[in-house]
Each structure stands twice: as C-alpha cells, then as structure tokens.
N, C-alpha and C. Protein backbone atom coordinates (compact mmCIF):
# COMPACT_ATOMS: atom_id res chain seq x y z
N MET A 1 0.83 -1.24 -0.05
CA MET A 1 0.05 0.03 -0.08
C MET A 1 0.91 1.27 0.02
N SER A 2 0.52 2.26 -0.74
CA SER A 2 1.24 3.39 -0.79
C SER A 2 0.67 4.57 -0.09
N PHE A 3 1.53 5.33 0.56
CA PHE A 3 0.92 6.45 1.41
C PHE A 3 1.44 7.77 0.89
N GLU A 4 0.72 8.78 0.93
CA GLU A 4 1.09 10.14 0.61
C GLU A 4 0.84 10.99 1.77
N ASP A 5 1.55 12.11 1.91
CA ASP A 5 1.41 13.08 3.01
C ASP A 5 -0.07 13.56 2.85
N LYS A 6 -0.70 13.86 3.87
CA LYS A 6 -1.98 14.36 3.89
C LYS A 6 -2.21 15.43 4.95
N THR A 7 -3.03 16.47 4.60
CA THR A 7 -3.13 17.61 5.64
C THR A 7 -4.58 17.33 6.28
N ILE A 8 -4.50 17.47 7.63
CA ILE A 8 -5.65 17.20 8.37
C ILE A 8 -5.85 18.50 9.28
N ARG A 9 -7.16 18.78 9.49
CA ARG A 9 -7.60 19.89 10.43
C ARG A 9 -7.82 19.19 11.86
N CYS A 10 -7.18 19.99 12.80
CA CYS A 10 -7.18 19.48 14.19
C CYS A 10 -8.64 19.79 14.79
N ALA A 11 -9.13 18.79 15.48
CA ALA A 11 -10.52 18.80 16.11
C ALA A 11 -10.54 19.82 17.29
N ASP A 12 -9.34 20.08 17.92
CA ASP A 12 -9.31 20.98 19.03
C ASP A 12 -9.17 22.40 18.66
N CYS A 13 -8.15 22.59 17.98
CA CYS A 13 -7.58 24.10 17.80
C CYS A 13 -8.00 24.49 16.34
N GLY A 14 -8.24 23.57 15.39
CA GLY A 14 -8.73 24.03 14.09
C GLY A 14 -7.55 24.27 13.07
N SER A 15 -6.36 24.04 13.51
CA SER A 15 -5.17 24.40 12.69
C SER A 15 -5.00 23.18 11.94
N ASP A 16 -4.48 23.27 10.64
CA ASP A 16 -4.02 22.20 9.71
C ASP A 16 -2.62 21.56 10.09
N PHE A 17 -2.59 20.34 10.01
CA PHE A 17 -1.30 19.66 10.42
C PHE A 17 -1.06 18.51 9.33
N MET A 18 0.26 18.13 9.19
CA MET A 18 0.56 17.20 8.23
C MET A 18 0.58 15.72 8.79
N PHE A 19 -0.10 14.86 8.15
CA PHE A 19 0.02 13.40 8.51
C PHE A 19 0.83 12.84 7.50
N SER A 20 2.13 12.60 7.80
CA SER A 20 3.17 12.20 6.82
C SER A 20 2.88 10.76 6.37
N ALA A 21 3.54 10.38 5.27
CA ALA A 21 3.41 9.07 4.72
C ALA A 21 4.07 8.07 5.68
N SER A 22 5.09 8.61 6.28
CA SER A 22 5.79 7.57 7.32
C SER A 22 4.93 7.38 8.57
N GLU A 23 4.15 8.37 9.02
CA GLU A 23 3.26 8.25 10.14
C GLU A 23 2.10 7.35 9.76
N GLN A 24 1.69 7.59 8.58
CA GLN A 24 0.48 6.61 8.07
C GLN A 24 0.95 5.22 8.04
N GLN A 25 2.30 5.00 7.57
CA GLN A 25 2.73 3.65 7.54
C GLN A 25 2.82 3.00 8.95
N PHE A 26 3.28 3.86 9.93
CA PHE A 26 3.43 3.42 11.33
C PHE A 26 2.09 3.12 11.81
N PHE A 27 1.08 3.93 11.56
CA PHE A 27 -0.36 3.64 12.03
C PHE A 27 -0.88 2.27 11.42
N ALA A 28 -0.48 2.03 10.16
CA ALA A 28 -1.03 0.96 9.56
C ALA A 28 -0.28 -0.43 10.20
N GLU A 29 0.85 -0.27 10.40
CA GLU A 29 1.72 -1.40 10.99
C GLU A 29 1.18 -1.64 12.45
N LYS A 30 0.80 -0.68 13.22
CA LYS A 30 0.29 -0.92 14.49
C LYS A 30 -1.12 -1.38 14.46
N GLY A 31 -1.81 -1.31 13.35
CA GLY A 31 -3.30 -1.76 13.28
C GLY A 31 -4.19 -0.67 13.59
N PHE A 32 -3.65 0.65 13.64
CA PHE A 32 -4.65 1.55 13.81
C PHE A 32 -5.54 1.96 12.68
N THR A 33 -6.82 2.09 12.80
CA THR A 33 -7.65 2.24 11.66
C THR A 33 -8.11 3.67 11.54
N ASN A 34 -7.99 4.52 12.52
CA ASN A 34 -8.44 5.99 12.50
C ASN A 34 -7.18 6.71 12.32
N GLU A 35 -7.48 7.94 11.51
CA GLU A 35 -6.37 8.95 11.38
C GLU A 35 -6.36 9.78 12.78
N PRO A 36 -5.23 10.52 12.98
CA PRO A 36 -5.34 11.33 14.18
C PRO A 36 -6.28 12.53 14.02
N ARG A 37 -6.93 12.88 15.04
CA ARG A 37 -7.93 13.97 15.03
C ARG A 37 -7.24 15.29 15.51
N ARG A 38 -6.22 15.16 16.38
CA ARG A 38 -5.52 16.36 16.84
C ARG A 38 -4.16 16.57 16.46
N CYS A 39 -3.72 17.85 16.41
CA CYS A 39 -2.42 18.04 15.94
C CYS A 39 -1.47 17.63 17.07
N PRO A 40 -0.08 17.52 16.72
CA PRO A 40 0.75 17.06 17.80
C PRO A 40 0.82 17.95 19.15
N THR A 41 0.63 19.29 19.05
CA THR A 41 0.60 20.15 20.19
C THR A 41 -0.67 19.80 21.02
N CYS A 42 -1.84 19.67 20.41
CA CYS A 42 -3.07 19.35 21.15
C CYS A 42 -2.98 18.00 21.75
N ARG A 43 -2.37 17.04 21.06
CA ARG A 43 -2.23 15.64 21.53
C ARG A 43 -1.35 15.59 22.78
N ARG A 44 -0.27 16.52 22.75
CA ARG A 44 0.71 16.57 23.96
C ARG A 44 -0.04 17.23 25.12
N THR A 45 -0.83 18.26 24.86
CA THR A 45 -1.60 18.92 25.86
C THR A 45 -2.66 18.09 26.53
N ARG A 46 -3.32 17.36 25.62
CA ARG A 46 -4.49 16.37 26.22
C ARG A 46 -3.78 15.22 26.96
N ARG A 47 -2.63 14.68 26.53
CA ARG A 47 -1.95 13.68 27.42
C ARG A 47 -1.53 14.22 28.77
N GLN A 48 -0.97 15.37 28.76
CA GLN A 48 -0.49 16.02 30.06
C GLN A 48 -1.69 16.20 31.01
N ARG A 49 -2.83 16.85 30.43
CA ARG A 49 -4.08 16.98 31.21
C ARG A 49 -4.51 15.62 31.82
N GLN A 50 -4.62 14.65 31.08
CA GLN A 50 -5.12 13.23 31.43
C GLN A 50 -4.06 12.72 32.46
N SER A 51 -2.76 12.99 32.25
CA SER A 51 -1.81 12.47 33.37
C SER A 51 -2.08 13.17 34.65
N ASN A 52 -2.24 14.48 34.58
CA ASN A 52 -2.47 15.24 35.83
C ASN A 52 -3.76 14.79 36.47
N ARG A 53 -4.64 14.40 35.69
CA ARG A 53 -6.04 14.05 36.32
C ARG A 53 -5.88 12.67 37.04
N THR A 54 -4.99 11.88 36.41
CA THR A 54 -4.79 10.54 37.00
C THR A 54 -4.01 10.71 38.32
N ASP A 55 -3.06 11.60 38.30
CA ASP A 55 -2.24 11.85 39.53
C ASP A 55 -3.10 12.44 40.67
N VAL A 56 -3.99 13.25 40.32
CA VAL A 56 -5.02 13.82 41.29
C VAL A 56 -5.93 12.62 41.94
N GLN A 57 -6.37 11.78 41.09
CA GLN A 57 -7.16 10.64 41.43
C GLN A 57 -6.45 9.74 42.37
N ARG A 58 -5.11 9.46 42.14
CA ARG A 58 -4.31 8.78 42.94
C ARG A 58 -4.15 9.24 44.41
N ASP A 59 -3.90 10.58 44.38
CA ASP A 59 -3.70 11.30 45.56
C ASP A 59 -4.98 11.27 46.48
N TRP A 60 -6.15 11.40 45.75
CA TRP A 60 -7.38 11.35 46.48
C TRP A 60 -7.68 10.02 47.10
N GLN A 61 -7.34 8.98 46.42
CA GLN A 61 -7.64 7.61 46.86
C GLN A 61 -6.64 7.20 48.02
N ALA A 62 -5.47 7.84 48.20
CA ALA A 62 -4.48 7.41 49.22
C ALA A 62 -4.81 7.73 50.56
C-alpha cells in the first residue's frame, strides 16, 4: 500500500497539520484504523491533562 502526505484539520484548535506518509505507515503497521484527530501540540496537551487528572485521582484515593 502506498501512502502520501495528507493535511488534516485539528479537532481541538482548528489548525491544519501534516499526517506524513511515514506516520501513516506506522499507524498501519500498528493496526490503527483511524487517522489522528488532533495536531501534535493538542495531543501533547491532552496527554498532560489526562496524566495530571490521574495523579489527582491517585492522591485522592491514598
């Protein structure tokens, strides 16, 4: 299967970002069927928020 660079609009901030052919190949190799919905910056921000939320839940349960 051949992959080509693709421009996608971020679902969070609305900016366009590149989904490169190599990233598409990586996704295919891992069995991911959906394209990313968020740009790298928004993905990083979302992961940090989720990580902080998990830390708060751990503190609360202790």
